[in-house]
Amino acid sequence: MKDGVKVIDIHNHFYSRPWLDYLSKRTEEPRFEWTGPTSGVAKVGAIATSHVDKPGDFDIQARVEDLDVAGIDVQVLSHTCPGVAELPVSESIEWAGKINDIFAEICRDGSGRFHFLATLPPADIDEALKEMDRAYQELGTKGFQMFSSINGVLATDPQFYPIFEKAAGFGVPVKIHPSFRPLTTDAMQKAGLPLQLFGFTLDTTMVLTLMLFQGFFEKLPGLKVIHSHLGGMAPYMMGRIDTAFKRYKKVVQIDASRTPSEVYREHVYVDTLAMHVPAIRCAYEYMGIDRLLFGTDYPHRASGTVEDNMAILDKVGFTENEKEKVLSGNAKTLFNLV
């Protein structure tokens, strides 16, 4: 609880010990190196893109203790980088199923403390669709997570379209999360900057921009998307996106009739992960209060600590009713939570 209001964290991640142990035995990327009993790191080349530094990263009981201290009532769990999409196809299929089984078991304790977004093996679209059916119909997933790019191919490639089509049919959201190796990896490495800084947000913003240009939401009116990390760069670049949509139809593929800025705020939700009050206000003024969801990025800290992400909401200027919507009301509606 925060100030008497229930808190639902929709952007957080859980690895599980079996997954980390499996990655630690791999000899090529993606791999994970244990650096201590409860710590480790995954790298792209020499740059760390994911880390583990506390038991709650992979031990659900330790996580519950962390949530109790932080005042978080519910988490919608999702997997994270490195994800199964980076694996060879057969291993990707196997581990998507294992991870979803682990998450579903966590959610079966009856406490209502945890829900989950299913992970998918997108490199084999038939198997991905089968896993979507199983996760939704048998395991009770509240949605799906799709990485921004899969082996260098953006998630908007036609081969992945059936994933969005099926999610829209189920009426559950797809969360677009940065991939382990974003398309800007080489440029970021040449600049000597962490991939999380610009690579992650640029990757997801390219995906959402292409979805708007290619008419995803017009073709799939039931599609709902969560754009990670306060919508990447989209909320404060939407004027530029609209201009490109109108002016560059001879240069880029446009298969949509409606203005991107209108469609985005009707179909897209963003979490509050930015650690920058003016940015959160920008998203709020553009999208409205009903499209903001609370997230912490636990256990990662590229978007600030759990405590900082809770505290910053007090600085934005939300009314008490608006704060309740961000902390839990909107998530209850989106994920159909009691």
Protein backbone atom coordinates (compact mmCIF):
# COMPACT_ATOMS: atom_id res chain seq x y z
CA MET A 1 0.00 0.00 0.00
CA LYS A 2 0.99 3.59 -0.61
CA ASP A 3 -0.93 6.20 1.34
CA GLY A 4 -3.75 3.70 1.73
CA VAL A 5 -3.84 2.83 -1.99
CA LYS A 6 -3.19 -0.64 -3.40
CA VAL A 7 -0.01 -0.81 -5.51
CA ILE A 8 0.22 -3.02 -8.62
CA ASP A 9 3.63 -3.17 -10.29
CA ILE A 10 3.16 -4.10 -13.96
CA HIS A 11 6.80 -3.79 -15.09
CA ASN A 12 9.16 -6.05 -13.17
CA HIS A 13 11.10 -9.19 -13.97
CA PHE A 14 11.84 -12.61 -12.56
CA TYR A 15 14.62 -14.88 -13.78
CA SER A 16 14.23 -18.16 -11.79
CA ARG A 17 17.24 -20.16 -10.67
CA PRO A 18 16.89 -22.90 -13.33
CA TRP A 19 17.08 -20.29 -16.12
CA LEU A 20 20.18 -18.59 -14.71
CA ASP A 21 21.91 -21.91 -14.09
CA TYR A 22 21.14 -22.95 -17.66
CA LEU A 23 22.58 -19.72 -19.07
CA SER A 24 25.68 -20.04 -16.88
CA LYS A 25 26.51 -23.34 -18.60
CA ARG A 26 26.32 -21.87 -22.09
CA THR A 27 29.58 -21.07 -23.88
CA GLU A 28 28.18 -18.41 -26.23
CA GLU A 29 25.77 -15.51 -25.94
CA PRO A 30 23.34 -15.32 -24.38
CA ARG A 31 25.08 -16.52 -21.26
CA PHE A 32 25.17 -15.59 -17.60
CA GLU A 33 28.10 -15.59 -15.19
CA TRP A 34 27.56 -16.13 -11.48
CA THR A 35 29.89 -13.75 -9.64
CA GLY A 36 28.73 -14.71 -6.14
CA PRO A 37 26.06 -16.75 -4.30
CA THR A 38 23.33 -14.25 -5.23
CA SER A 39 24.99 -12.12 -7.90
CA GLY A 40 25.86 -12.37 -11.56
CA VAL A 41 25.91 -10.60 -14.89
CA ALA A 42 24.95 -11.10 -18.56
CA LYS A 43 26.86 -9.17 -21.21
CA VAL A 44 26.68 -8.24 -24.87
CA GLY A 45 30.35 -8.26 -25.74
CA ALA A 46 32.04 -6.39 -22.90
CA ILE A 47 28.96 -4.35 -21.93
CA ALA A 48 26.75 -5.62 -19.12
CA THR A 49 23.08 -5.50 -20.10
CA SER A 50 21.56 -7.50 -17.24
CA HIS A 51 22.57 -8.22 -13.70
CA VAL A 52 21.55 -10.15 -10.62
CA ASP A 53 22.49 -8.79 -7.22
CA LYS A 54 19.81 -9.93 -4.78
CA PRO A 55 17.98 -13.19 -3.98
CA GLY A 56 14.65 -11.70 -5.06
CA ASP A 57 15.87 -11.78 -8.65
CA PHE A 58 15.38 -15.54 -8.72
CA ASP A 59 13.89 -16.57 -5.34
CA ILE A 60 10.18 -15.79 -5.05
CA GLN A 61 10.09 -15.94 -1.25
CA ALA A 62 12.90 -13.41 -1.03
CA ARG A 63 10.98 -11.27 -3.48
CA VAL A 64 7.85 -11.34 -1.32
CA GLU A 65 9.93 -9.99 1.56
CA ASP A 66 11.26 -7.18 -0.66
CA LEU A 67 7.74 -6.28 -1.81
CA ASP A 68 6.47 -6.19 1.75
CA VAL A 69 9.21 -3.73 2.68
CA ALA A 70 8.55 -1.58 -0.41
CA GLY A 71 4.77 -1.54 0.01
CA ILE A 72 3.96 -3.29 -3.27
CA ASP A 73 0.84 -5.44 -3.09
CA VAL A 74 0.81 -7.15 -6.51
CA GLN A 75 3.26 -7.77 -9.34
CA VAL A 76 2.56 -8.79 -12.92
CA LEU A 77 5.71 -10.83 -13.55
CA SER A 78 7.51 -10.99 -16.87
CA HIS A 79 10.75 -12.50 -18.09
CA THR A 80 13.60 -10.25 -19.16
CA CYS A 81 16.93 -9.99 -20.95
CA PRO A 82 18.47 -12.27 -21.91
CA GLY A 83 15.25 -13.87 -23.08
CA VAL A 84 14.45 -17.12 -24.83
CA ALA A 85 14.23 -15.31 -28.18
CA GLU A 86 18.05 -15.16 -28.29
CA LEU A 87 18.40 -18.95 -28.08
CA PRO A 88 18.54 -21.50 -30.90
CA VAL A 89 14.98 -22.32 -31.92
CA SER A 90 14.62 -25.72 -30.24
CA GLU A 91 15.98 -24.39 -26.94
CA SER A 92 13.81 -21.30 -27.24
CA ILE A 93 10.67 -23.43 -27.53
CA GLU A 94 11.68 -25.62 -24.60
CA TRP A 95 12.52 -22.75 -22.28
CA ALA A 96 9.48 -20.64 -23.12
CA GLY A 97 7.35 -23.52 -21.88
CA LYS A 98 9.48 -24.05 -18.78
CA ILE A 99 9.44 -20.38 -17.83
CA ASN A 100 5.69 -20.06 -18.28
CA ASP A 101 5.19 -23.16 -16.13
CA ILE A 102 7.40 -21.64 -13.40
CA PHE A 103 5.50 -18.36 -13.51
CA ALA A 104 2.11 -20.07 -13.51
CA GLU A 105 3.10 -22.14 -10.47
CA ILE A 106 4.11 -18.98 -8.60
CA CYS A 107 0.69 -17.49 -9.36
CA ARG A 108 -1.21 -20.55 -8.16
CA ASP A 109 -0.54 -19.94 -4.46
CA GLY A 110 -3.97 -18.34 -4.10
CA SER A 111 -2.68 -15.12 -2.55
CA GLY A 112 -3.35 -12.98 -5.63
CA ARG A 113 0.11 -11.51 -5.08
CA PHE A 114 1.38 -12.45 -8.52
CA HIS A 115 0.13 -12.61 -12.10
CA PHE A 116 2.27 -13.03 -15.20
CA LEU A 117 2.86 -12.17 -18.84
CA ALA A 118 3.80 -15.23 -20.88
CA THR A 119 7.09 -15.46 -22.73
CA LEU A 120 7.18 -16.77 -26.29
CA PRO A 121 9.58 -18.47 -28.76
CA PRO A 122 8.93 -16.09 -31.68
CA ALA A 123 11.49 -17.58 -34.07
CA ASP A 124 9.08 -20.50 -34.61
CA ILE A 125 5.74 -18.79 -35.15
CA ASP A 126 3.70 -21.99 -35.07
CA GLU A 127 5.16 -22.98 -31.71
CA ALA A 128 4.74 -19.41 -30.43
CA LEU A 129 1.03 -19.50 -31.27
CA LYS A 130 0.65 -22.90 -29.59
CA GLU A 131 2.33 -21.55 -26.47
CA MET A 132 0.03 -18.53 -26.52
CA ASP A 133 -2.99 -20.84 -26.55
CA ARG A 134 -1.58 -22.93 -23.71
CA ALA A 135 -0.53 -19.94 -21.61
CA TYR A 136 -3.89 -18.22 -21.98
CA GLN A 137 -6.25 -21.16 -21.85
CA GLU A 138 -4.44 -23.40 -19.34
CA LEU A 139 -1.99 -21.28 -17.36
CA GLY A 140 -4.02 -18.11 -16.91
CA THR A 141 -1.59 -15.56 -18.32
CA LYS A 142 -2.71 -11.92 -18.23
CA GLY A 143 -0.94 -11.07 -21.49
CA PHE A 144 2.26 -11.61 -23.43
CA GLN A 145 5.69 -10.07 -23.62
CA MET A 146 7.32 -9.50 -27.01
CA PHE A 147 10.88 -8.31 -27.37
CA SER A 148 11.51 -5.35 -29.67
CA SER A 149 13.71 -7.35 -32.02
CA ILE A 150 14.40 -11.03 -32.57
CA ASN A 151 17.79 -11.94 -33.99
CA GLY A 152 18.05 -8.50 -35.58
CA VAL A 153 14.50 -8.47 -36.98
CA LEU A 154 12.05 -5.95 -35.54
CA ALA A 155 8.87 -7.29 -33.94
CA THR A 156 6.78 -5.59 -36.65
CA ASP A 157 8.08 -7.97 -39.32
CA PRO A 158 5.14 -9.75 -41.01
CA GLN A 159 6.29 -13.12 -39.66
CA PHE A 160 5.39 -12.00 -36.12
CA TYR A 161 2.04 -10.41 -36.99
CA PRO A 162 0.03 -13.52 -35.96
CA ILE A 163 1.26 -13.05 -32.38
CA PHE A 164 -0.37 -9.64 -32.18
CA GLU A 165 -3.44 -10.93 -33.98
CA LYS A 166 -3.94 -13.72 -31.45
CA ALA A 167 -3.36 -11.44 -28.46
CA ALA A 168 -5.96 -9.04 -29.84
CA GLY A 169 -8.37 -11.93 -30.21
CA PHE A 170 -7.82 -12.93 -26.59
CA GLY A 171 -8.33 -9.32 -25.51
CA VAL A 172 -5.09 -9.21 -23.50
CA PRO A 173 -2.16 -6.80 -23.90
CA VAL A 174 1.27 -7.31 -25.40
CA LYS A 175 4.14 -5.63 -23.58
CA ILE A 176 6.94 -4.48 -25.90
CA HIS A 177 10.22 -4.83 -24.03
CA PRO A 178 13.74 -4.05 -25.26
CA SER A 179 15.72 -6.99 -26.56
CA PHE A 180 19.01 -8.20 -25.10
CA ARG A 181 20.84 -7.00 -28.21
CA PRO A 182 18.99 -3.94 -29.63
CA LEU A 183 19.47 -2.95 -33.27
CA THR A 184 21.61 -0.01 -32.14
CA THR A 185 24.13 -2.24 -30.34
CA ASP A 186 27.06 -1.49 -32.66
CA ALA A 187 26.48 2.27 -32.53
CA MET A 188 26.17 2.25 -28.74
CA GLN A 189 29.31 0.17 -28.35
CA LYS A 190 31.25 2.49 -30.65
CA ALA A 191 30.10 5.43 -28.56
CA GLY A 192 31.07 3.64 -25.37
CA LEU A 193 27.58 4.07 -23.91
CA PRO A 194 25.44 1.49 -22.10
CA LEU A 195 22.83 -0.16 -24.29
CA GLN A 196 20.18 0.59 -21.69
CA LEU A 197 20.64 4.34 -22.12
CA PHE A 198 19.42 4.85 -25.70
CA GLY A 199 19.53 1.44 -27.37
CA PHE A 200 16.64 0.02 -25.39
CA THR A 201 14.28 2.98 -25.73
CA LEU A 202 15.09 3.56 -29.40
CA ASP A 203 14.38 -0.08 -30.23
CA THR A 204 10.92 -0.08 -28.66
CA THR A 205 10.07 3.32 -30.15
CA MET A 206 10.93 2.09 -33.65
CA VAL A 207 8.60 -0.87 -33.10
CA LEU A 208 5.66 1.27 -31.97
CA THR A 209 6.24 3.82 -34.75
CA LEU A 210 6.19 1.08 -37.35
CA MET A 211 3.05 -0.40 -35.81
CA LEU A 212 1.39 2.99 -36.23
CA PHE A 213 2.67 3.45 -39.79
CA GLN A 214 1.73 -0.09 -40.82
CA GLY A 215 -1.79 0.16 -39.45
CA PHE A 216 -1.55 -2.58 -36.80
CA PHE A 217 -4.23 -0.98 -34.67
CA GLU A 218 -6.57 -0.27 -37.55
CA LYS A 219 -6.36 -3.89 -38.68
CA LEU A 220 -6.57 -5.16 -35.10
CA PRO A 221 -8.90 -2.79 -33.24
CA GLY A 222 -8.78 -4.99 -30.14
CA LEU A 223 -4.99 -4.81 -29.86
CA LYS A 224 -3.60 -3.29 -26.67
CA VAL A 225 0.11 -2.65 -26.24
CA ILE A 226 2.19 -1.66 -23.23
CA HIS A 227 5.18 0.42 -24.34
CA SER A 228 7.93 -0.05 -21.76
CA HIS A 229 9.91 2.70 -20.03
CA LEU A 230 7.34 5.51 -20.30
CA GLY A 231 6.81 4.77 -23.97
CA GLY A 232 10.51 4.97 -24.82
CA MET A 233 10.79 8.20 -26.81
CA ALA A 234 7.27 8.22 -28.26
CA PRO A 235 5.26 10.61 -26.01
CA TYR A 236 7.60 13.54 -26.52
CA MET A 237 8.40 12.73 -30.18
CA MET A 238 4.80 12.23 -31.29
CA GLY A 239 4.69 15.55 -33.16
CA ARG A 240 7.70 14.47 -35.18
CA ILE A 241 6.16 11.04 -35.78
CA ASP A 242 2.96 12.67 -37.05
CA THR A 243 4.99 14.90 -39.38
CA ALA A 244 6.94 11.94 -40.79
CA PHE A 245 3.66 10.08 -41.29
CA LYS A 246 2.31 12.96 -43.39
CA ARG A 247 5.44 13.96 -45.30
CA TYR A 248 7.39 10.81 -46.07
CA LYS A 249 4.81 8.46 -47.54
CA LYS A 250 6.96 8.12 -50.66
CA VAL A 251 9.96 7.12 -48.56
CA VAL A 252 8.55 4.79 -45.90
CA GLN A 253 5.82 2.17 -45.97
CA ILE A 254 2.56 3.69 -44.78
CA ASP A 255 -0.43 1.39 -44.52
CA ALA A 256 -2.59 3.42 -42.16
CA SER A 257 -5.11 6.20 -42.54
CA ARG A 258 -5.29 7.61 -39.02
CA THR A 259 -2.80 10.02 -37.47
CA PRO A 260 -0.28 8.17 -35.24
CA SER A 261 -0.75 10.45 -32.24
CA GLU A 262 -4.49 9.69 -32.16
CA VAL A 263 -4.07 5.94 -32.47
CA TYR A 264 -1.24 5.68 -29.94
CA ARG A 265 -3.21 7.18 -27.10
CA GLU A 266 -6.21 4.96 -27.87
CA HIS A 267 -4.36 1.64 -27.93
CA VAL A 268 -1.11 2.08 -26.02
CA TYR A 269 -0.34 2.13 -22.31
CA VAL A 270 2.96 3.26 -20.81
CA ASP A 271 4.55 2.51 -17.48
CA THR A 272 5.90 5.31 -15.31
CA LEU A 273 9.55 4.24 -15.52
CA ALA A 274 11.51 7.39 -16.30
CA MET A 275 12.74 8.91 -13.03
CA HIS A 276 12.12 12.32 -14.58
CA VAL A 277 9.10 14.35 -13.52
CA PRO A 278 8.80 16.48 -16.70
CA ALA A 279 8.81 13.31 -18.83
CA ILE A 280 6.03 11.72 -16.77
CA ARG A 281 4.04 14.95 -17.02
CA CYS A 282 4.53 14.98 -20.79
CA ALA A 283 3.12 11.44 -21.10
CA TYR A 284 0.25 12.36 -18.78
CA GLU A 285 -0.65 15.54 -20.67
CA TYR A 286 -0.51 13.77 -24.03
CA MET A 287 -2.08 10.41 -23.19
CA GLY A 288 -4.29 11.11 -20.19
CA ILE A 289 -4.30 9.51 -16.77
CA ASP A 290 -6.06 6.29 -17.87
CA ARG A 291 -3.03 5.18 -19.93
CA LEU A 292 -0.40 5.33 -17.18
CA LEU A 293 0.63 2.20 -15.27
CA PHE A 294 2.96 1.90 -12.30
CA GLY A 295 6.19 -0.01 -12.82
CA THR A 296 9.47 -0.48 -10.96
CA ASP A 297 11.71 -2.55 -13.29
CA TYR A 298 12.56 -4.61 -10.20
CA PRO A 299 15.21 -6.00 -9.90
CA HIS A 300 17.00 -3.73 -12.40
CA ARG A 301 18.00 -0.17 -11.56
CA ALA A 302 18.62 1.46 -14.94
CA SER A 303 15.23 3.09 -14.39
CA GLY A 304 15.89 3.91 -10.72
CA THR A 305 15.18 1.98 -7.54
CA VAL A 306 11.78 0.64 -6.52
CA GLU A 307 11.60 3.21 -3.74
CA ASP A 308 12.53 6.08 -6.07
CA ASN A 309 9.90 5.09 -8.62
CA MET A 310 7.23 5.08 -5.94
CA ALA A 311 8.35 8.37 -4.42
CA ILE A 312 8.53 10.26 -7.72
CA LEU A 313 4.78 9.95 -8.25
CA ASP A 314 4.31 12.36 -5.34
CA LYS A 315 6.22 15.01 -7.30
CA VAL A 316 4.25 14.87 -10.56
CA GLY A 317 1.20 16.72 -9.26
CA PHE A 318 -1.39 13.95 -9.58
CA THR A 319 -4.62 14.30 -7.64
CA GLU A 320 -5.37 11.50 -5.18
CA ASN A 321 -7.82 9.98 -7.66
CA GLU A 322 -5.25 10.15 -10.45
CA LYS A 323 -2.59 8.58 -8.27
CA GLU A 324 -4.93 5.70 -7.42
CA LYS A 325 -5.45 5.06 -11.13
CA VAL A 326 -1.70 4.99 -11.81
CA LEU A 327 -0.87 2.82 -8.80
CA SER A 328 -3.55 0.20 -9.38
CA GLY A 329 -6.84 1.30 -10.94
CA ASN A 330 -5.68 1.25 -14.54
CA ALA A 331 -3.91 -2.09 -14.11
CA LYS A 332 -7.05 -3.66 -12.65
CA THR A 333 -8.99 -2.58 -15.73
CA LEU A 334 -6.34 -3.55 -18.29
CA PHE A 335 -5.57 -6.99 -16.83
CA ASN A 336 -9.08 -7.67 -15.51
CA LEU A 337 -7.85 -8.04 -11.94
CA VAL A 338 -10.18 -8.32 -8.95
